[in-house]
Amino acid sequence: MNRLASSFVLGYHGCDEDKADKFLKDHTTMNPSTNKYDWLGSGIYFWEGNPLRGLQWAEERSRDTGSTIKRPYVVGAVIDLGLCLDLTTSDAIKWIETAHVSLVDTFRIASMPLPKNTKNLQNNLDCAVVEMLHDIRKSEGKPEIQTVRGVFTEGAPIYPTSAFRAKTHVQIAVRDHACIKGLFRVPKEHLA
């Protein structure tokens, strides 16, 4: 786990404006996402240093059938990464590889099919691996991971043959509410 880098970051959470108002009054009302496809496992998701991408995500979700986002909005947060599984580090990658081996063994023994990632951002396998790592740490009596951080290259190339993608981002899943030190309204000029 990583405590080697700067601990505080700014994160941005895409949501409905009414929910943002509630969050700004009492940030404990923020519920973690627990979807089986959340690539960083369960947690409250933030876009690190990228308020515009958080708003774009909320706008995209608002167009989904049955979406609860009626008025897309983004709220900012000061996040203490605490005990962070930082997937940009070699140590974290080793932990994930170990958790994957354990997950494969568990599913093999149970004669169950392993979860799969799909092209439409349904990262069921990645989520299961991260959750397995949390389970392993808990069974070993190790401190719980407070945040998970990863870089994701997403979207179309920004020009022909480019490795740069239009929706590349750093995402943080906050598992421990205490890591959210404060919330704030994002100035409109940061969303243009």
N, C-alpha and C. Protein backbone atom coordinates (compact mmCIF):
# COMPACT_ATOMS: atom_id res chain seq x y z
N MET A 1 0.84 -1.16 0.00
CA MET A 1 0.00 0.00 0.00
C MET A 1 0.88 1.22 0.00
N ASN A 2 0.34 2.32 -0.44
CA ASN A 2 1.17 3.48 -0.70
C ASN A 2 0.88 4.63 0.25
N ARG A 3 1.90 5.08 0.92
CA ARG A 3 1.87 6.33 1.67
C ARG A 3 3.10 7.15 1.27
N LEU A 4 3.63 6.87 0.08
CA LEU A 4 4.86 7.50 -0.35
C LEU A 4 4.65 8.80 -1.11
N ALA A 5 3.46 9.00 -1.67
CA ALA A 5 3.19 10.18 -2.48
C ALA A 5 2.42 11.21 -1.66
N SER A 6 2.23 12.37 -2.27
CA SER A 6 1.42 13.42 -1.65
C SER A 6 0.06 12.83 -1.27
N SER A 7 -0.40 13.14 -0.07
CA SER A 7 -1.59 12.48 0.44
C SER A 7 -2.90 13.15 0.03
N PHE A 8 -2.95 14.47 -0.09
CA PHE A 8 -4.20 15.15 -0.41
C PHE A 8 -4.33 15.40 -1.90
N VAL A 9 -5.52 15.10 -2.43
CA VAL A 9 -5.81 15.37 -3.84
C VAL A 9 -7.20 16.00 -3.92
N LEU A 10 -7.46 16.64 -5.04
CA LEU A 10 -8.81 17.14 -5.33
C LEU A 10 -9.48 16.14 -6.25
N GLY A 11 -10.68 15.75 -5.88
CA GLY A 11 -11.46 14.82 -6.69
C GLY A 11 -12.80 15.44 -7.01
N TYR A 12 -13.43 14.95 -8.07
CA TYR A 12 -14.69 15.51 -8.54
C TYR A 12 -15.68 14.39 -8.79
N HIS A 13 -16.87 14.53 -8.19
CA HIS A 13 -17.90 13.50 -8.22
C HIS A 13 -19.07 13.98 -9.07
N GLY A 14 -19.32 13.29 -10.19
CA GLY A 14 -20.47 13.61 -11.04
C GLY A 14 -21.74 13.06 -10.43
N CYS A 15 -22.79 13.86 -10.43
CA CYS A 15 -24.05 13.45 -9.81
C CYS A 15 -25.18 14.38 -10.25
N ASP A 16 -26.34 14.22 -9.65
CA ASP A 16 -27.46 15.12 -9.86
C ASP A 16 -27.28 16.35 -8.96
N GLU A 17 -27.75 17.50 -9.40
CA GLU A 17 -27.57 18.73 -8.63
C GLU A 17 -28.23 18.64 -7.25
N ASP A 18 -29.39 18.02 -7.16
CA ASP A 18 -30.05 17.87 -5.85
C ASP A 18 -29.20 17.04 -4.89
N LYS A 19 -28.60 15.97 -5.40
CA LYS A 19 -27.71 15.16 -4.56
C LYS A 19 -26.49 15.96 -4.14
N ALA A 20 -25.94 16.75 -5.06
CA ALA A 20 -24.78 17.57 -4.73
C ALA A 20 -25.11 18.52 -3.58
N ASP A 21 -26.30 19.11 -3.61
CA ASP A 21 -26.71 20.00 -2.51
C ASP A 21 -26.73 19.26 -1.18
N LYS A 22 -27.25 18.03 -1.19
CA LYS A 22 -27.27 17.21 0.03
C LYS A 22 -25.85 16.87 0.48
N PHE A 23 -24.99 16.50 -0.48
CA PHE A 23 -23.60 16.17 -0.14
C PHE A 23 -22.90 17.36 0.50
N LEU A 24 -23.15 18.55 -0.04
CA LEU A 24 -22.48 19.74 0.47
C LEU A 24 -22.95 20.08 1.89
N LYS A 25 -24.15 19.67 2.24
CA LYS A 25 -24.65 19.90 3.60
C LYS A 25 -24.10 18.86 4.57
N ASP A 26 -23.97 17.61 4.12
CA ASP A 26 -23.53 16.52 4.99
C ASP A 26 -22.90 15.43 4.13
N HIS A 27 -21.58 15.45 3.99
CA HIS A 27 -20.92 14.53 3.05
C HIS A 27 -21.07 13.05 3.43
N THR A 28 -21.56 12.76 4.63
CA THR A 28 -21.77 11.35 4.98
C THR A 28 -22.93 10.74 4.22
N THR A 29 -23.72 11.57 3.51
CA THR A 29 -24.83 11.03 2.73
C THR A 29 -24.35 10.43 1.41
N MET A 30 -23.08 10.55 1.11
CA MET A 30 -22.54 9.97 -0.12
C MET A 30 -22.46 8.46 0.04
N ASN A 31 -23.17 7.75 -0.81
CA ASN A 31 -23.18 6.28 -0.73
C ASN A 31 -22.17 5.70 -1.71
N PRO A 32 -21.47 4.65 -1.28
CA PRO A 32 -20.52 4.02 -2.19
C PRO A 32 -21.25 3.28 -3.32
N SER A 33 -20.61 3.25 -4.46
CA SER A 33 -21.09 2.42 -5.57
C SER A 33 -20.66 0.99 -5.27
N THR A 34 -21.57 0.06 -5.51
CA THR A 34 -21.28 -1.36 -5.25
C THR A 34 -21.62 -2.22 -6.46
N ASN A 35 -21.52 -1.64 -7.64
CA ASN A 35 -21.80 -2.38 -8.87
C ASN A 35 -20.74 -3.46 -9.07
N LYS A 36 -21.13 -4.59 -9.66
CA LYS A 36 -20.19 -5.68 -9.92
C LYS A 36 -19.19 -5.33 -11.02
N TYR A 37 -19.40 -4.20 -11.70
CA TYR A 37 -18.51 -3.80 -12.79
C TYR A 37 -17.64 -2.60 -12.45
N ASP A 38 -17.68 -2.10 -11.23
CA ASP A 38 -16.86 -0.94 -10.85
C ASP A 38 -15.39 -1.34 -10.84
N TRP A 39 -14.60 -0.76 -11.73
CA TRP A 39 -13.24 -1.27 -11.94
C TRP A 39 -12.32 -1.11 -10.75
N LEU A 40 -12.61 -0.23 -9.81
CA LEU A 40 -11.78 -0.11 -8.62
C LEU A 40 -12.44 -0.75 -7.40
N GLY A 41 -13.47 -1.54 -7.63
CA GLY A 41 -14.20 -2.13 -6.52
C GLY A 41 -15.19 -1.15 -5.93
N SER A 42 -15.74 -1.50 -4.79
CA SER A 42 -16.76 -0.62 -4.19
C SER A 42 -16.10 0.62 -3.61
N GLY A 43 -16.85 1.72 -3.65
CA GLY A 43 -16.37 2.99 -3.10
C GLY A 43 -17.11 4.17 -3.70
N ILE A 44 -16.83 5.33 -3.18
CA ILE A 44 -17.37 6.58 -3.71
C ILE A 44 -16.38 7.05 -4.77
N TYR A 45 -16.84 7.18 -6.00
CA TYR A 45 -15.93 7.45 -7.13
C TYR A 45 -15.74 8.93 -7.39
N PHE A 46 -14.47 9.29 -7.62
CA PHE A 46 -14.08 10.66 -7.95
C PHE A 46 -13.13 10.65 -9.13
N TRP A 47 -13.20 11.71 -9.93
CA TRP A 47 -12.25 11.96 -11.02
C TRP A 47 -11.18 12.87 -10.42
N GLU A 48 -9.94 12.41 -10.38
CA GLU A 48 -8.88 13.20 -9.78
C GLU A 48 -8.49 14.36 -10.69
N GLY A 49 -8.53 15.56 -10.13
CA GLY A 49 -8.05 16.76 -10.83
C GLY A 49 -8.78 17.08 -12.11
N ASN A 50 -10.01 16.59 -12.31
CA ASN A 50 -10.67 16.74 -13.60
C ASN A 50 -12.18 16.98 -13.43
N PRO A 51 -12.55 18.21 -13.01
CA PRO A 51 -13.97 18.48 -12.79
C PRO A 51 -14.80 18.38 -14.07
N LEU A 52 -14.24 18.77 -15.19
CA LEU A 52 -14.98 18.71 -16.45
C LEU A 52 -15.34 17.28 -16.81
N ARG A 53 -14.42 16.33 -16.60
CA ARG A 53 -14.72 14.93 -16.90
C ARG A 53 -15.80 14.39 -15.96
N GLY A 54 -15.78 14.82 -14.71
CA GLY A 54 -16.84 14.43 -13.78
C GLY A 54 -18.20 14.91 -14.25
N LEU A 55 -18.26 16.14 -14.74
CA LEU A 55 -19.51 16.69 -15.25
C LEU A 55 -19.93 15.97 -16.53
N GLN A 56 -18.98 15.71 -17.41
CA GLN A 56 -19.30 14.97 -18.65
C GLN A 56 -19.88 13.60 -18.34
N TRP A 57 -19.32 12.92 -17.34
CA TRP A 57 -19.83 11.61 -16.95
C TRP A 57 -21.29 11.74 -16.49
N ALA A 58 -21.57 12.75 -15.66
CA ALA A 58 -22.94 12.95 -15.17
C ALA A 58 -23.88 13.25 -16.34
N GLU A 59 -23.41 14.03 -17.31
CA GLU A 59 -24.25 14.33 -18.49
C GLU A 59 -24.52 13.05 -19.29
N GLU A 60 -23.50 12.22 -19.46
CA GLU A 60 -23.68 10.95 -20.18
C GLU A 60 -24.67 10.06 -19.46
N ARG A 61 -24.55 9.93 -18.14
CA ARG A 61 -25.46 9.08 -17.35
C ARG A 61 -26.89 9.63 -17.37
N SER A 62 -27.04 10.94 -17.44
CA SER A 62 -28.39 11.53 -17.43
C SER A 62 -29.20 11.11 -18.65
N ARG A 63 -28.52 10.70 -19.71
CA ARG A 63 -29.20 10.27 -20.94
C ARG A 63 -29.57 8.78 -20.92
N ASP A 64 -29.10 8.05 -19.90
CA ASP A 64 -29.43 6.63 -19.78
C ASP A 64 -30.89 6.47 -19.36
N THR A 65 -31.53 5.44 -19.88
CA THR A 65 -32.90 5.13 -19.49
C THR A 65 -32.96 4.86 -17.99
N GLY A 66 -33.88 5.51 -17.31
CA GLY A 66 -34.07 5.30 -15.88
C GLY A 66 -33.05 6.00 -15.00
N SER A 67 -32.24 6.88 -15.55
CA SER A 67 -31.21 7.56 -14.77
C SER A 67 -31.84 8.44 -13.69
N THR A 68 -31.20 8.49 -12.53
CA THR A 68 -31.64 9.39 -11.47
C THR A 68 -31.01 10.77 -11.60
N ILE A 69 -30.12 10.93 -12.58
CA ILE A 69 -29.49 12.23 -12.80
C ILE A 69 -30.36 13.02 -13.78
N LYS A 70 -31.02 14.05 -13.25
CA LYS A 70 -31.89 14.90 -14.07
C LYS A 70 -31.19 16.21 -14.43
N ARG A 71 -30.42 16.73 -13.48
CA ARG A 71 -29.64 17.96 -13.70
C ARG A 71 -28.18 17.65 -13.38
N PRO A 72 -27.40 17.32 -14.43
CA PRO A 72 -26.00 16.93 -14.21
C PRO A 72 -25.22 18.01 -13.48
N TYR A 73 -24.40 17.56 -12.56
CA TYR A 73 -23.65 18.48 -11.71
C TYR A 73 -22.36 17.77 -11.28
N VAL A 74 -21.42 18.52 -10.78
CA VAL A 74 -20.19 17.94 -10.23
C VAL A 74 -19.87 18.66 -8.94
N VAL A 75 -19.49 17.89 -7.93
CA VAL A 75 -19.10 18.46 -6.65
C VAL A 75 -17.63 18.11 -6.41
N GLY A 76 -16.88 19.05 -5.86
CA GLY A 76 -15.46 18.83 -5.60
C GLY A 76 -15.23 18.32 -4.18
N ALA A 77 -14.12 17.62 -3.99
CA ALA A 77 -13.78 17.08 -2.67
C ALA A 77 -12.27 17.16 -2.44
N VAL A 78 -11.92 17.44 -1.20
CA VAL A 78 -10.53 17.30 -0.76
C VAL A 78 -10.44 15.91 -0.16
N ILE A 79 -9.56 15.10 -0.73
CA ILE A 79 -9.46 13.70 -0.33
C ILE A 79 -8.06 13.41 0.21
N ASP A 80 -8.03 12.82 1.39
CA ASP A 80 -6.78 12.30 1.94
C ASP A 80 -6.71 10.84 1.49
N LEU A 81 -5.74 10.51 0.67
CA LEU A 81 -5.66 9.15 0.12
C LEU A 81 -5.44 8.10 1.20
N GLY A 82 -4.87 8.49 2.33
CA GLY A 82 -4.67 7.54 3.43
C GLY A 82 -3.92 6.30 2.98
N LEU A 83 -4.38 5.15 3.42
CA LEU A 83 -3.78 3.89 2.99
C LEU A 83 -4.38 3.58 1.62
N CYS A 84 -3.60 3.86 0.58
CA CYS A 84 -4.08 3.85 -0.81
C CYS A 84 -3.50 2.70 -1.60
N LEU A 85 -4.39 1.97 -2.25
CA LEU A 85 -3.96 1.00 -3.25
C LEU A 85 -3.81 1.80 -4.54
N ASP A 86 -2.60 2.26 -4.80
CA ASP A 86 -2.33 3.14 -5.94
C ASP A 86 -1.84 2.28 -7.10
N LEU A 87 -2.74 2.06 -8.07
CA LEU A 87 -2.44 1.16 -9.18
C LEU A 87 -1.47 1.75 -10.21
N THR A 88 -0.86 2.89 -9.86
CA THR A 88 0.22 3.42 -10.69
C THR A 88 1.58 2.98 -10.14
N THR A 89 1.56 2.18 -9.07
CA THR A 89 2.82 1.75 -8.46
C THR A 89 3.07 0.26 -8.68
N SER A 90 4.31 -0.12 -8.71
CA SER A 90 4.69 -1.52 -8.91
C SER A 90 4.19 -2.41 -7.78
N ASP A 91 4.27 -1.93 -6.54
CA ASP A 91 3.80 -2.74 -5.41
C ASP A 91 2.32 -3.07 -5.54
N ALA A 92 1.52 -2.08 -5.89
CA ALA A 92 0.07 -2.32 -6.01
C ALA A 92 -0.23 -3.31 -7.13
N ILE A 93 0.51 -3.22 -8.21
CA ILE A 93 0.30 -4.16 -9.32
C ILE A 93 0.59 -5.59 -8.86
N LYS A 94 1.65 -5.77 -8.05
CA LYS A 94 1.96 -7.10 -7.51
C LYS A 94 0.82 -7.61 -6.64
N TRP A 95 0.27 -6.73 -5.80
CA TRP A 95 -0.86 -7.12 -4.94
C TRP A 95 -2.04 -7.58 -5.79
N ILE A 96 -2.33 -6.84 -6.86
CA ILE A 96 -3.46 -7.17 -7.74
C ILE A 96 -3.21 -8.50 -8.44
N GLU A 97 -1.98 -8.72 -8.89
CA GLU A 97 -1.65 -10.00 -9.54
C GLU A 97 -1.87 -11.17 -8.57
N THR A 98 -1.46 -11.00 -7.34
CA THR A 98 -1.64 -12.03 -6.32
C THR A 98 -3.12 -12.28 -6.07
N ALA A 99 -3.90 -11.21 -5.97
CA ALA A 99 -5.35 -11.34 -5.74
C ALA A 99 -6.01 -12.05 -6.92
N HIS A 100 -5.53 -11.78 -8.14
CA HIS A 100 -6.10 -12.44 -9.32
C HIS A 100 -5.87 -13.94 -9.26
N VAL A 101 -4.66 -14.35 -8.91
CA VAL A 101 -4.35 -15.78 -8.79
C VAL A 101 -5.28 -16.42 -7.76
N SER A 102 -5.47 -15.76 -6.63
CA SER A 102 -6.35 -16.29 -5.58
C SER A 102 -7.80 -16.38 -6.07
N LEU A 103 -8.25 -15.37 -6.81
CA LEU A 103 -9.61 -15.38 -7.34
C LEU A 103 -9.80 -16.52 -8.32
N VAL A 104 -8.84 -16.70 -9.22
CA VAL A 104 -8.91 -17.80 -10.20
C VAL A 104 -9.00 -19.14 -9.46
N ASP A 105 -8.17 -19.33 -8.44
CA ASP A 105 -8.19 -20.57 -7.67
C ASP A 105 -9.55 -20.77 -6.99
N THR A 106 -10.07 -19.71 -6.41
CA THR A 106 -11.36 -19.79 -5.71
C THR A 106 -12.48 -20.21 -6.65
N PHE A 107 -12.53 -19.60 -7.83
CA PHE A 107 -13.58 -19.93 -8.80
C PHE A 107 -13.38 -21.33 -9.38
N ARG A 108 -12.13 -21.73 -9.57
CA ARG A 108 -11.85 -23.08 -10.09
C ARG A 108 -12.32 -24.12 -9.10
N ILE A 109 -11.98 -23.94 -7.82
CA ILE A 109 -12.38 -24.89 -6.78
C ILE A 109 -13.91 -24.96 -6.67
N ALA A 110 -14.58 -23.83 -6.84
CA ALA A 110 -16.04 -23.79 -6.76
C ALA A 110 -16.71 -24.22 -8.06
N SER A 111 -15.92 -24.53 -9.07
CA SER A 111 -16.42 -24.90 -10.41
C SER A 111 -17.38 -23.85 -10.96
N MET A 112 -16.99 -22.60 -10.79
CA MET A 112 -17.79 -21.48 -11.28
C MET A 112 -17.01 -20.73 -12.34
N PRO A 113 -17.71 -20.12 -13.31
CA PRO A 113 -17.00 -19.33 -14.32
C PRO A 113 -16.48 -18.03 -13.71
N LEU A 114 -15.28 -17.69 -14.10
CA LEU A 114 -14.64 -16.45 -13.64
C LEU A 114 -15.36 -15.24 -14.23
N PRO A 115 -15.58 -14.17 -13.45
CA PRO A 115 -16.17 -12.96 -14.03
C PRO A 115 -15.31 -12.47 -15.20
N LYS A 116 -15.93 -11.75 -16.12
CA LYS A 116 -15.22 -11.25 -17.30
C LYS A 116 -15.39 -9.75 -17.43
N ASN A 117 -14.36 -9.12 -18.00
CA ASN A 117 -14.47 -7.73 -18.42
C ASN A 117 -15.02 -7.72 -19.85
N THR A 118 -15.81 -6.72 -20.17
CA THR A 118 -16.33 -6.59 -21.53
C THR A 118 -15.93 -5.25 -22.11
N LYS A 119 -16.11 -5.10 -23.40
CA LYS A 119 -15.70 -3.88 -24.09
C LYS A 119 -16.53 -2.66 -23.72
N ASN A 120 -17.73 -2.87 -23.17
CA ASN A 120 -18.59 -1.73 -22.84
C ASN A 120 -18.40 -1.28 -21.39
N LEU A 121 -17.18 -1.35 -20.90
CA LEU A 121 -16.78 -0.87 -19.58
C LEU A 121 -17.46 -1.60 -18.42
N GLN A 122 -17.83 -2.84 -18.66
CA GLN A 122 -18.33 -3.70 -17.59
C GLN A 122 -17.13 -4.49 -17.08
N ASN A 123 -16.45 -3.94 -16.09
CA ASN A 123 -15.19 -4.50 -15.60
C ASN A 123 -15.41 -5.44 -14.42
N ASN A 124 -16.23 -6.46 -14.65
CA ASN A 124 -16.60 -7.40 -13.59
C ASN A 124 -15.38 -8.14 -13.03
N LEU A 125 -14.45 -8.54 -13.90
CA LEU A 125 -13.27 -9.24 -13.42
C LEU A 125 -12.40 -8.32 -12.58
N ASP A 126 -12.13 -7.12 -13.07
CA ASP A 126 -11.30 -6.18 -12.31
C ASP A 126 -11.90 -5.90 -10.94
N CYS A 127 -13.21 -5.68 -10.90
CA CYS A 127 -13.90 -5.43 -9.64
C CYS A 127 -13.73 -6.62 -8.70
N ALA A 128 -13.94 -7.82 -9.20
CA ALA A 128 -13.81 -9.02 -8.36
C ALA A 128 -12.39 -9.19 -7.83
N VAL A 129 -11.39 -8.86 -8.64
CA VAL A 129 -9.99 -8.97 -8.20
C VAL A 129 -9.72 -7.97 -7.08
N VAL A 130 -10.15 -6.73 -7.25
CA VAL A 130 -9.93 -5.72 -6.21
C VAL A 130 -10.65 -6.13 -4.92
N GLU A 131 -11.88 -6.61 -5.05
CA GLU A 131 -12.61 -7.04 -3.85
C GLU A 131 -11.93 -8.24 -3.20
N MET A 132 -11.35 -9.13 -4.00
CA MET A 132 -10.61 -10.27 -3.45
C MET A 132 -9.41 -9.77 -2.65
N LEU A 133 -8.73 -8.76 -3.14
CA LEU A 133 -7.60 -8.21 -2.41
C LEU A 133 -8.05 -7.67 -1.04
N HIS A 134 -9.18 -6.97 -1.02
CA HIS A 134 -9.71 -6.49 0.27
C HIS A 134 -9.98 -7.66 1.21
N ASP A 135 -10.57 -8.73 0.67
CA ASP A 135 -10.88 -9.93 1.48
C ASP A 135 -9.60 -10.58 2.01
N ILE A 136 -8.59 -10.66 1.17
CA ILE A 136 -7.31 -11.26 1.58
C ILE A 136 -6.71 -10.46 2.74
N ARG A 137 -6.68 -9.14 2.58
CA ARG A 137 -6.10 -8.29 3.63
C ARG A 137 -6.87 -8.44 4.94
N LYS A 138 -8.19 -8.49 4.83
CA LYS A 138 -9.02 -8.62 6.03
C LYS A 138 -8.74 -9.96 6.73
N SER A 139 -8.66 -11.04 5.93
CA SER A 139 -8.41 -12.36 6.52
C SER A 139 -7.03 -12.45 7.16
N GLU A 140 -6.10 -11.63 6.70
CA GLU A 140 -4.75 -11.62 7.26
C GLU A 140 -4.60 -10.62 8.41
N GLY A 141 -5.70 -9.92 8.75
CA GLY A 141 -5.66 -8.96 9.86
C GLY A 141 -4.91 -7.68 9.53
N LYS A 142 -4.76 -7.38 8.25
CA LYS A 142 -4.05 -6.16 7.83
C LYS A 142 -5.02 -4.98 7.81
N PRO A 143 -4.49 -3.77 7.93
CA PRO A 143 -5.36 -2.59 7.89
C PRO A 143 -6.13 -2.51 6.57
N GLU A 144 -7.37 -2.00 6.66
CA GLU A 144 -8.20 -1.89 5.47
C GLU A 144 -7.68 -0.79 4.55
N ILE A 145 -7.75 -1.05 3.27
CA ILE A 145 -7.41 -0.05 2.26
C ILE A 145 -8.47 1.04 2.31
N GLN A 146 -8.05 2.29 2.35
CA GLN A 146 -8.99 3.40 2.47
C GLN A 146 -9.41 3.97 1.11
N THR A 147 -8.49 3.95 0.16
CA THR A 147 -8.78 4.45 -1.18
C THR A 147 -8.08 3.58 -2.21
N VAL A 148 -8.66 3.55 -3.41
CA VAL A 148 -8.05 2.85 -4.54
C VAL A 148 -7.94 3.86 -5.66
N ARG A 149 -6.78 3.91 -6.31
CA ARG A 149 -6.52 4.92 -7.34
C ARG A 149 -5.97 4.24 -8.58
N GLY A 150 -6.53 4.60 -9.76
CA GLY A 150 -6.04 4.00 -11.00
C GLY A 150 -6.15 4.95 -12.17
N VAL A 151 -5.30 4.72 -13.16
CA VAL A 151 -5.32 5.48 -14.40
C VAL A 151 -6.00 4.63 -15.46
N PHE A 152 -6.90 5.24 -16.20
CA PHE A 152 -7.64 4.51 -17.23
C PHE A 152 -7.56 5.25 -18.55
N THR A 153 -7.07 4.55 -19.57
CA THR A 153 -7.07 5.10 -20.92
C THR A 153 -8.38 4.69 -21.55
N GLU A 154 -9.17 5.68 -21.86
CA GLU A 154 -10.54 5.43 -22.33
C GLU A 154 -10.86 6.40 -23.45
N GLY A 155 -11.72 5.98 -24.34
CA GLY A 155 -12.17 6.85 -25.42
C GLY A 155 -11.35 6.65 -26.68
N ALA A 156 -11.71 7.41 -27.69
CA ALA A 156 -11.06 7.33 -29.00
C ALA A 156 -9.71 8.04 -28.98
N PRO A 157 -8.79 7.62 -29.87
CA PRO A 157 -7.53 8.35 -30.00
C PRO A 157 -7.82 9.81 -30.36
N ILE A 158 -7.03 10.75 -29.81
CA ILE A 158 -7.31 12.16 -30.08
C ILE A 158 -6.82 12.62 -31.45
N TYR A 159 -6.02 11.80 -32.12
CA TYR A 159 -5.65 12.00 -33.52
C TYR A 159 -5.17 10.66 -34.06
N PRO A 160 -5.10 10.48 -35.37
CA PRO A 160 -4.73 9.17 -35.94
C PRO A 160 -3.42 8.63 -35.36
N THR A 161 -3.41 7.40 -34.98
CA THR A 161 -2.32 6.61 -34.39
C THR A 161 -1.89 7.09 -33.00
N SER A 162 -2.62 8.01 -32.40
CA SER A 162 -2.27 8.53 -31.07
C SER A 162 -2.50 7.49 -29.98
N ALA A 163 -1.60 7.47 -29.00
CA ALA A 163 -1.81 6.68 -27.79
C ALA A 163 -2.62 7.46 -26.77
N PHE A 164 -2.78 8.78 -26.99
CA PHE A 164 -3.59 9.61 -26.10
C PHE A 164 -5.05 9.39 -26.41
N ARG A 165 -5.87 9.18 -25.37
CA ARG A 165 -7.29 8.91 -25.55
C ARG A 165 -8.12 10.06 -24.99
N ALA A 166 -9.26 10.30 -25.62
CA ALA A 166 -10.11 11.45 -25.30
C ALA A 166 -10.65 11.43 -23.87
N LYS A 167 -10.81 10.26 -23.27
CA LYS A 167 -11.41 10.19 -21.94
C LYS A 167 -10.46 9.60 -20.89
N THR A 168 -9.16 9.65 -21.14
CA THR A 168 -8.19 9.15 -20.17
C THR A 168 -8.32 9.93 -18.87
N HIS A 169 -8.24 9.22 -17.74
CA HIS A 169 -8.44 9.88 -16.47
C HIS A 169 -7.83 9.08 -15.32
N VAL A 170 -7.69 9.76 -14.21
CA VAL A 170 -7.32 9.11 -12.96
C VAL A 170 -8.58 9.07 -12.11
N GLN A 171 -8.91 7.89 -11.62
CA GLN A 171 -10.11 7.74 -10.83
C GLN A 171 -9.74 7.24 -9.44
N ILE A 172 -10.51 7.67 -8.46
CA ILE A 172 -10.29 7.28 -7.07
C ILE A 172 -11.60 6.71 -6.53
N ALA A 173 -11.51 5.57 -5.89
CA ALA A 173 -12.66 5.02 -5.16
C ALA A 173 -12.34 5.17 -3.68
N VAL A 174 -13.13 5.98 -3.01
CA VAL A 174 -12.95 6.21 -1.58
C VAL A 174 -13.79 5.17 -0.83
N ARG A 175 -13.11 4.34 -0.06
CA ARG A 175 -13.77 3.28 0.70
C ARG A 175 -14.04 3.71 2.14
N ASP A 176 -13.31 4.68 2.63
CA ASP A 176 -13.44 5.16 4.00
C ASP A 176 -13.89 6.62 3.97
N HIS A 177 -15.13 6.89 4.42
CA HIS A 177 -15.68 8.25 4.42
C HIS A 177 -14.76 9.26 5.09
N ALA A 178 -14.00 8.83 6.09
CA ALA A 178 -13.12 9.74 6.81
C ALA A 178 -12.06 10.36 5.91
N CYS A 179 -11.81 9.76 4.75
CA CYS A 179 -10.82 10.29 3.81
C CYS A 179 -11.33 11.53 3.07
N ILE A 180 -12.64 11.74 3.08
CA ILE A 180 -13.21 12.94 2.45
C ILE A 180 -13.16 14.04 3.49
N LYS A 181 -12.21 14.97 3.31
CA LYS A 181 -11.97 16.00 4.32
C LYS A 181 -12.86 17.22 4.14
N GLY A 182 -13.40 17.40 2.96
CA GLY A 182 -14.29 18.53 2.72
C GLY A 182 -14.81 18.50 1.30
N LEU A 183 -15.97 19.11 1.10
CA LEU A 183 -16.60 19.20 -0.22
C LEU A 183 -16.76 20.66 -0.58
N PHE A 184 -16.81 20.93 -1.89
CA PHE A 184 -16.95 22.33 -2.32
C PHE A 184 -17.66 22.39 -3.67
N ARG A 185 -18.25 23.55 -3.93
CA ARG A 185 -18.84 23.81 -5.24
C ARG A 185 -17.72 24.13 -6.21
N VAL A 186 -17.81 23.59 -7.39
CA VAL A 186 -16.78 23.80 -8.41
C VAL A 186 -17.07 25.12 -9.13
N PRO A 187 -16.10 26.03 -9.18
CA PRO A 187 -16.33 27.29 -9.90
C PRO A 187 -16.65 27.02 -11.38
N LYS A 188 -17.60 27.77 -11.92
CA LYS A 188 -18.06 27.55 -13.30
C LYS A 188 -16.93 27.63 -14.31
N GLU A 189 -15.94 28.48 -14.06
CA GLU A 189 -14.83 28.60 -15.03
C GLU A 189 -14.00 27.32 -15.11
N HIS A 190 -14.09 26.43 -14.13
CA HIS A 190 -13.37 25.15 -14.17
C HIS A 190 -14.12 24.10 -14.98
N LEU A 191 -15.32 24.47 -15.44
CA LEU A 191 -16.15 23.51 -16.18
C LEU A 191 -16.33 23.91 -17.63
N ALA A 192 -15.52 24.83 -18.10
CA ALA A 192 -15.64 25.28 -19.50
C ALA A 192 -14.58 24.64 -20.38
